[in-house]
Amino acid sequence: MGYQPARYHGERGEITATMRRTDAPAELVYPTGTSVDYLATGASTAGLFGIYRWTMPASGGGPGPHFHRALDESFLVLLGTIKIFDGRDWLDAEVGDFVHVPPGGLHGFRNDSGPAAAMLIHFAPGAPREGYMEGLAEWARSGRPSDAEAAEFYRQHDNFWVEET
């Protein structure tokens, strides 16, 4: 596999870098206290990837086993210990640990530990995951929709749940 075709054709480069300070307020805060920082969205990367900082309070929950048909998803633990499901077991991922899940790969995550935990979540390609995260936060505030509405929401956002075996 080689490099992709050039996306920039200038000769001198451009001043386009962006920086997000660590103390910037999170774009999304769930009622549970979990916060999500939109570091790079699919919209800001021309659909190449999305990367989010996901911070969970002590004993914060997370999604159970699921898979995506169109997305790769990766996790890099920044703080604490996060349980990540690898399709077989719930593994303790600690600071510096990295987990990559290709399309179709079973996975899930949660914070079962006493202290807060944080990780980077990377999606490729850069689907509009903000709508998914914001939709779940709205459900947490106002209540879950009907099973049919929830199933359609999950389908639209490439989330397919499975029973843990």
C-alpha atoms as a PDB file:
ATOM      1  CA  MET A   1       0.000   0.000   0.000  1.00  0.00           C
ATOM      2  CA  GLY A   2       1.368   3.392  -0.926  1.00  0.00           C
ATOM      3  CA  TYR A   3       0.478   6.964  -0.148  1.00  0.00           C
ATOM      4  CA  GLN A   4      -2.947   8.276  -1.075  1.00  0.00           C
ATOM      5  CA  PRO A   5      -3.235  10.857  -3.869  1.00  0.00           C
ATOM      6  CA  ALA A   6      -2.156  14.383  -2.908  1.00  0.00           C
ATOM      7  CA  ARG A   7      -4.860  16.524  -1.343  1.00  0.00           C
ATOM      8  CA  TYR A   8      -2.771  19.686  -1.325  1.00  0.00           C
ATOM      9  CA  HIS A   9      -1.199  20.922  -4.526  1.00  0.00           C
ATOM     10  CA  GLY A  10       0.433  24.176  -3.468  1.00  0.00           C
ATOM     11  CA  GLU A  11       4.175  24.783  -3.426  1.00  0.00           C
ATOM     12  CA  ARG A  12       4.786  26.607  -0.130  1.00  0.00           C
ATOM     13  CA  GLY A  13       2.403  25.148   2.399  1.00  0.00           C
ATOM     14  CA  GLU A  14      -0.277  26.993   4.342  1.00  0.00           C
ATOM     15  CA  ILE A  15      -0.858  28.161   7.878  1.00  0.00           C
ATOM     16  CA  THR A  16      -3.737  25.859   8.814  1.00  0.00           C
ATOM     17  CA  ALA A  17      -2.749  24.064  12.037  1.00  0.00           C
ATOM     18  CA  THR A  18      -5.219  24.246  14.912  1.00  0.00           C
ATOM     19  CA  MET A  19      -4.684  23.744  18.617  1.00  0.00           C
ATOM     20  CA  ARG A  20      -7.116  22.837  21.339  1.00  0.00           C
ATOM     21  CA  ARG A  21      -5.981  23.628  24.859  1.00  0.00           C
ATOM     22  CA  THR A  22      -6.517  20.939  27.460  1.00  0.00           C
ATOM     23  CA  ASP A  23      -8.572  23.327  29.613  1.00  0.00           C
ATOM     24  CA  ALA A  24     -11.090  24.119  26.842  1.00  0.00           C
ATOM     25  CA  PRO A  25     -14.626  23.182  27.920  1.00  0.00           C
ATOM     26  CA  ALA A  26     -15.978  19.866  26.658  1.00  0.00           C
ATOM     27  CA  GLU A  27     -18.478  20.013  23.810  1.00  0.00           C
ATOM     28  CA  LEU A  28     -20.662  17.382  25.444  1.00  0.00           C
ATOM     29  CA  VAL A  29     -21.309  16.427  29.068  1.00  0.00           C
ATOM     30  CA  TYR A  30     -23.610  13.516  29.870  1.00  0.00           C
ATOM     31  CA  PRO A  31     -25.843  13.575  32.963  1.00  0.00           C
ATOM     32  CA  THR A  32     -23.528  10.866  34.398  1.00  0.00           C
ATOM     33  CA  GLY A  33     -20.591  13.301  34.304  1.00  0.00           C
ATOM     34  CA  THR A  34     -18.895  11.681  31.313  1.00  0.00           C
ATOM     35  CA  SER A  35     -17.504  14.395  29.055  1.00  0.00           C
ATOM     36  CA  VAL A  36     -16.503  14.363  25.408  1.00  0.00           C
ATOM     37  CA  ASP A  37     -14.062  16.761  23.770  1.00  0.00           C
ATOM     38  CA  TYR A  38     -14.381  16.956  19.983  1.00  0.00           C
ATOM     39  CA  LEU A  39     -10.689  17.170  19.107  1.00  0.00           C
ATOM     40  CA  ALA A  40     -11.066  16.521  15.373  1.00  0.00           C
ATOM     41  CA  THR A  41     -14.402  15.712  13.773  1.00  0.00           C
ATOM     42  CA  GLY A  42     -15.059  14.101  10.444  1.00  0.00           C
ATOM     43  CA  ALA A  43     -16.227  17.514   9.237  1.00  0.00           C
ATOM     44  CA  SER A  44     -12.913  19.130  10.223  1.00  0.00           C
ATOM     45  CA  THR A  45     -10.798  16.356   8.605  1.00  0.00           C
ATOM     46  CA  ALA A  46     -12.693  16.121   5.307  1.00  0.00           C
ATOM     47  CA  GLY A  47     -14.077  12.755   6.410  1.00  0.00           C
ATOM     48  CA  LEU A  48     -10.712  11.105   6.996  1.00  0.00           C
ATOM     49  CA  PHE A  49     -11.059  10.485  10.737  1.00  0.00           C
ATOM     50  CA  GLY A  50     -12.548  11.730  13.985  1.00  0.00           C
ATOM     51  CA  ILE A  51     -10.824  11.835  17.358  1.00  0.00           C
ATOM     52  CA  TYR A  52     -12.453  12.498  20.710  1.00  0.00           C
ATOM     53  CA  ARG A  53     -11.269  12.674  24.320  1.00  0.00           C
ATOM     54  CA  TRP A  54     -13.706  10.614  26.417  1.00  0.00           C
ATOM     55  CA  THR A  55     -13.507  11.224  30.182  1.00  0.00           C
ATOM     56  CA  MET A  56     -15.545   9.077  32.566  1.00  0.00           C
ATOM     57  CA  PRO A  57     -16.084   9.676  36.261  1.00  0.00           C
ATOM     58  CA  ALA A  58     -15.323   6.997  38.846  1.00  0.00           C
ATOM     59  CA  SER A  59     -17.273   3.842  38.041  1.00  0.00           C
ATOM     60  CA  GLY A  60     -18.686   5.465  34.886  1.00  0.00           C
ATOM     61  CA  GLY A  61     -20.472   3.120  32.552  1.00  0.00           C
ATOM     62  CA  GLY A  62     -20.048   2.705  28.842  1.00  0.00           C
ATOM     63  CA  PRO A  63     -21.359   0.746  25.886  1.00  0.00           C
ATOM     64  CA  GLY A  64     -21.675  -3.010  25.968  1.00  0.00           C
ATOM     65  CA  PRO A  65     -20.584  -5.302  23.130  1.00  0.00           C
ATOM     66  CA  HIS A  66     -21.267  -3.954  19.663  1.00  0.00           C
ATOM     67  CA  PHE A  67     -19.673  -3.588  16.244  1.00  0.00           C
ATOM     68  CA  HIS A  68     -19.583  -1.169  13.328  1.00  0.00           C
ATOM     69  CA  ARG A  69     -19.889  -2.154   9.675  1.00  0.00           C
ATOM     70  CA  ALA A  70     -18.099   0.892   8.200  1.00  0.00           C
ATOM     71  CA  LEU A  71     -15.847   2.232  10.970  1.00  0.00           C
ATOM     72  CA  ASP A  72     -12.487   1.385  12.447  1.00  0.00           C
ATOM     73  CA  GLU A  73     -12.373   2.441  16.110  1.00  0.00           C
ATOM     74  CA  SER A  74      -9.269   2.789  18.260  1.00  0.00           C
ATOM     75  CA  PHE A  75      -8.705   3.597  21.929  1.00  0.00           C
ATOM     76  CA  LEU A  76      -5.674   5.067  23.687  1.00  0.00           C
ATOM     77  CA  VAL A  77      -5.946   5.212  27.481  1.00  0.00           C
ATOM     78  CA  LEU A  78      -4.817   8.552  28.921  1.00  0.00           C
ATOM     79  CA  LEU A  79      -5.864   8.260  32.567  1.00  0.00           C
ATOM     80  CA  GLY A  80      -6.842   5.428  34.882  1.00  0.00           C
ATOM     81  CA  THR A  81      -7.944   1.946  33.871  1.00  0.00           C
ATOM     82  CA  ILE A  82     -10.665   1.286  31.316  1.00  0.00           C
ATOM     83  CA  LYS A  83     -12.271  -2.093  30.694  1.00  0.00           C
ATOM     84  CA  ILE A  84     -12.324  -2.760  26.949  1.00  0.00           C
ATOM     85  CA  PHE A  85     -14.135  -5.735  25.461  1.00  0.00           C
ATOM     86  CA  ASP A  86     -12.066  -7.460  22.752  1.00  0.00           C
ATOM     87  CA  GLY A  87     -14.802  -9.844  21.587  1.00  0.00           C
ATOM     88  CA  ARG A  88     -13.808 -12.510  24.115  1.00  0.00           C
ATOM     89  CA  ASP A  89     -13.018 -10.839  27.423  1.00  0.00           C
ATOM     90  CA  TRP A  90     -13.138  -7.507  29.236  1.00  0.00           C
ATOM     91  CA  LEU A  91      -9.487  -6.441  29.402  1.00  0.00           C
ATOM     92  CA  ASP A  92      -7.992  -3.864  31.781  1.00  0.00           C
ATOM     93  CA  ALA A  93      -6.470  -1.205  29.525  1.00  0.00           C
ATOM     94  CA  GLU A  94      -4.148   1.132  31.414  1.00  0.00           C
ATOM     95  CA  VAL A  95      -2.393   4.406  30.633  1.00  0.00           C
ATOM     96  CA  GLY A  96      -0.574   4.084  27.316  1.00  0.00           C
ATOM     97  CA  ASP A  97      -2.433   0.940  26.233  1.00  0.00           C
ATOM     98  CA  PHE A  98      -3.851   1.047  22.705  1.00  0.00           C
ATOM     99  CA  VAL A  99      -6.674  -1.039  21.242  1.00  0.00           C
ATOM    100  CA  HIS A 100      -7.618  -1.062  17.547  1.00  0.00           C
ATOM    101  CA  VAL A 101     -10.902  -2.536  16.305  1.00  0.00           C
ATOM    102  CA  PRO A 102     -11.462  -2.948  12.531  1.00  0.00           C
ATOM    103  CA  PRO A 103     -14.963  -2.951  11.004  1.00  0.00           C
ATOM    104  CA  GLY A 104     -16.989  -5.890  12.297  1.00  0.00           C
ATOM    105  CA  GLY A 105     -14.826  -6.248  15.406  1.00  0.00           C
ATOM    106  CA  LEU A 106     -16.737  -6.765  18.632  1.00  0.00           C
ATOM    107  CA  HIS A 107     -15.886  -4.226  21.327  1.00  0.00           C
ATOM    108  CA  GLY A 108     -17.224  -2.172  24.221  1.00  0.00           C
ATOM    109  CA  PHE A 109     -15.799  -0.119  27.072  1.00  0.00           C
ATOM    110  CA  ARG A 110     -16.555   1.047  30.584  1.00  0.00           C
ATOM    111  CA  ASN A 111     -14.902   2.432  33.684  1.00  0.00           C
ATOM    112  CA  ASP A 112     -15.332  -0.073  36.511  1.00  0.00           C
ATOM    113  CA  SER A 113     -12.411   1.366  38.456  1.00  0.00           C
ATOM    114  CA  GLY A 114     -12.637   3.635  41.484  1.00  0.00           C
ATOM    115  CA  PRO A 115     -11.015   6.736  39.963  1.00  0.00           C
ATOM    116  CA  ALA A 116     -11.910   8.720  36.858  1.00  0.00           C
ATOM    117  CA  ALA A 117     -10.549   7.475  33.539  1.00  0.00           C
ATOM    118  CA  ALA A 118      -9.965   9.050  30.132  1.00  0.00           C
ATOM    119  CA  MET A 119      -9.067   7.895  26.649  1.00  0.00           C
ATOM    120  CA  LEU A 120      -8.799   9.076  23.094  1.00  0.00           C
ATOM    121  CA  ILE A 121     -11.274   7.458  20.716  1.00  0.00           C
ATOM    122  CA  HIS A 122     -10.340   7.502  17.032  1.00  0.00           C
ATOM    123  CA  PHE A 123     -12.812   6.684  14.241  1.00  0.00           C
ATOM    124  CA  ALA A 124     -11.885   6.189  10.607  1.00  0.00           C
ATOM    125  CA  PRO A 125     -13.317   7.252   8.330  1.00  0.00           C
ATOM    126  CA  GLY A 126     -14.571  10.412   9.991  1.00  0.00           C
ATOM    127  CA  ALA A 127     -18.283   9.690  10.301  1.00  0.00           C
ATOM    128  CA  PRO A 128     -20.444  12.261  12.118  1.00  0.00           C
ATOM    129  CA  ARG A 129     -20.185  10.547  15.517  1.00  0.00           C
ATOM    130  CA  GLU A 130     -21.147  13.786  17.289  1.00  0.00           C
ATOM    131  CA  GLY A 131     -24.790  13.148  16.333  1.00  0.00           C
ATOM    132  CA  TYR A 132     -24.613   9.702  17.886  1.00  0.00           C
ATOM    133  CA  MET A 133     -23.020  10.917  21.117  1.00  0.00           C
ATOM    134  CA  GLU A 134     -25.385  13.880  21.393  1.00  0.00           C
ATOM    135  CA  GLY A 135     -28.395  11.657  20.722  1.00  0.00           C
ATOM    136  CA  LEU A 136     -27.426   9.309  23.550  1.00  0.00           C
ATOM    137  CA  ALA A 137     -26.913  12.273  25.885  1.00  0.00           C
ATOM    138  CA  GLU A 138     -30.382  13.529  24.999  1.00  0.00           C
ATOM    139  CA  TRP A 139     -31.858  10.102  25.768  1.00  0.00           C
ATOM    140  CA  ALA A 140     -30.131  10.211  29.160  1.00  0.00           C
ATOM    141  CA  ARG A 141     -31.792  13.569  29.872  1.00  0.00           C
ATOM    142  CA  SER A 142     -35.268  13.036  28.417  1.00  0.00           C
ATOM    143  CA  GLY A 143     -35.771   9.285  28.157  1.00  0.00           C
ATOM    144  CA  ARG A 144     -35.127   6.557  25.625  1.00  0.00           C
ATOM    145  CA  PRO A 145     -37.336   6.516  22.512  1.00  0.00           C
ATOM    146  CA  SER A 146     -39.377   3.525  21.376  1.00  0.00           C
ATOM    147  CA  ASP A 147     -37.531   0.349  20.446  1.00  0.00           C
ATOM    148  CA  ALA A 148     -38.210   1.004  16.750  1.00  0.00           C
ATOM    149  CA  GLU A 149     -36.876   4.579  16.960  1.00  0.00           C
ATOM    150  CA  ALA A 150     -33.827   3.432  18.902  1.00  0.00           C
ATOM    151  CA  ALA A 151     -33.112   0.653  16.378  1.00  0.00           C
ATOM    152  CA  GLU A 152     -33.271   3.148  13.503  1.00  0.00           C
ATOM    153  CA  PHE A 153     -31.024   5.603  15.374  1.00  0.00           C
ATOM    154  CA  TYR A 154     -28.441   2.856  15.951  1.00  0.00           C
ATOM    155  CA  ARG A 155     -28.639   1.716  12.313  1.00  0.00           C
ATOM    156  CA  GLN A 156     -28.148   5.298  11.059  1.00  0.00           C
ATOM    157  CA  HIS A 157     -25.080   5.606  13.286  1.00  0.00           C
ATOM    158  CA  ASP A 158     -23.520   2.235  12.342  1.00  0.00           C
ATOM    159  CA  ASN A 159     -23.952   0.717  15.811  1.00  0.00           C
ATOM    160  CA  PHE A 160     -24.974  -2.941  16.021  1.00  0.00           C
ATOM    161  CA  TRP A 161     -25.443  -4.425  19.499  1.00  0.00           C
ATOM    162  CA  VAL A 162     -24.762  -8.052  20.367  1.00  0.00           C
ATOM    163  CA  GLU A 163     -25.365 -10.154  23.435  1.00  0.00           C
ATOM    164  CA  GLU A 164     -22.287 -10.814  25.523  1.00  0.00           C
ATOM    165  CA  THR A 165     -21.492 -14.531  25.562  1.00  0.00           C
END
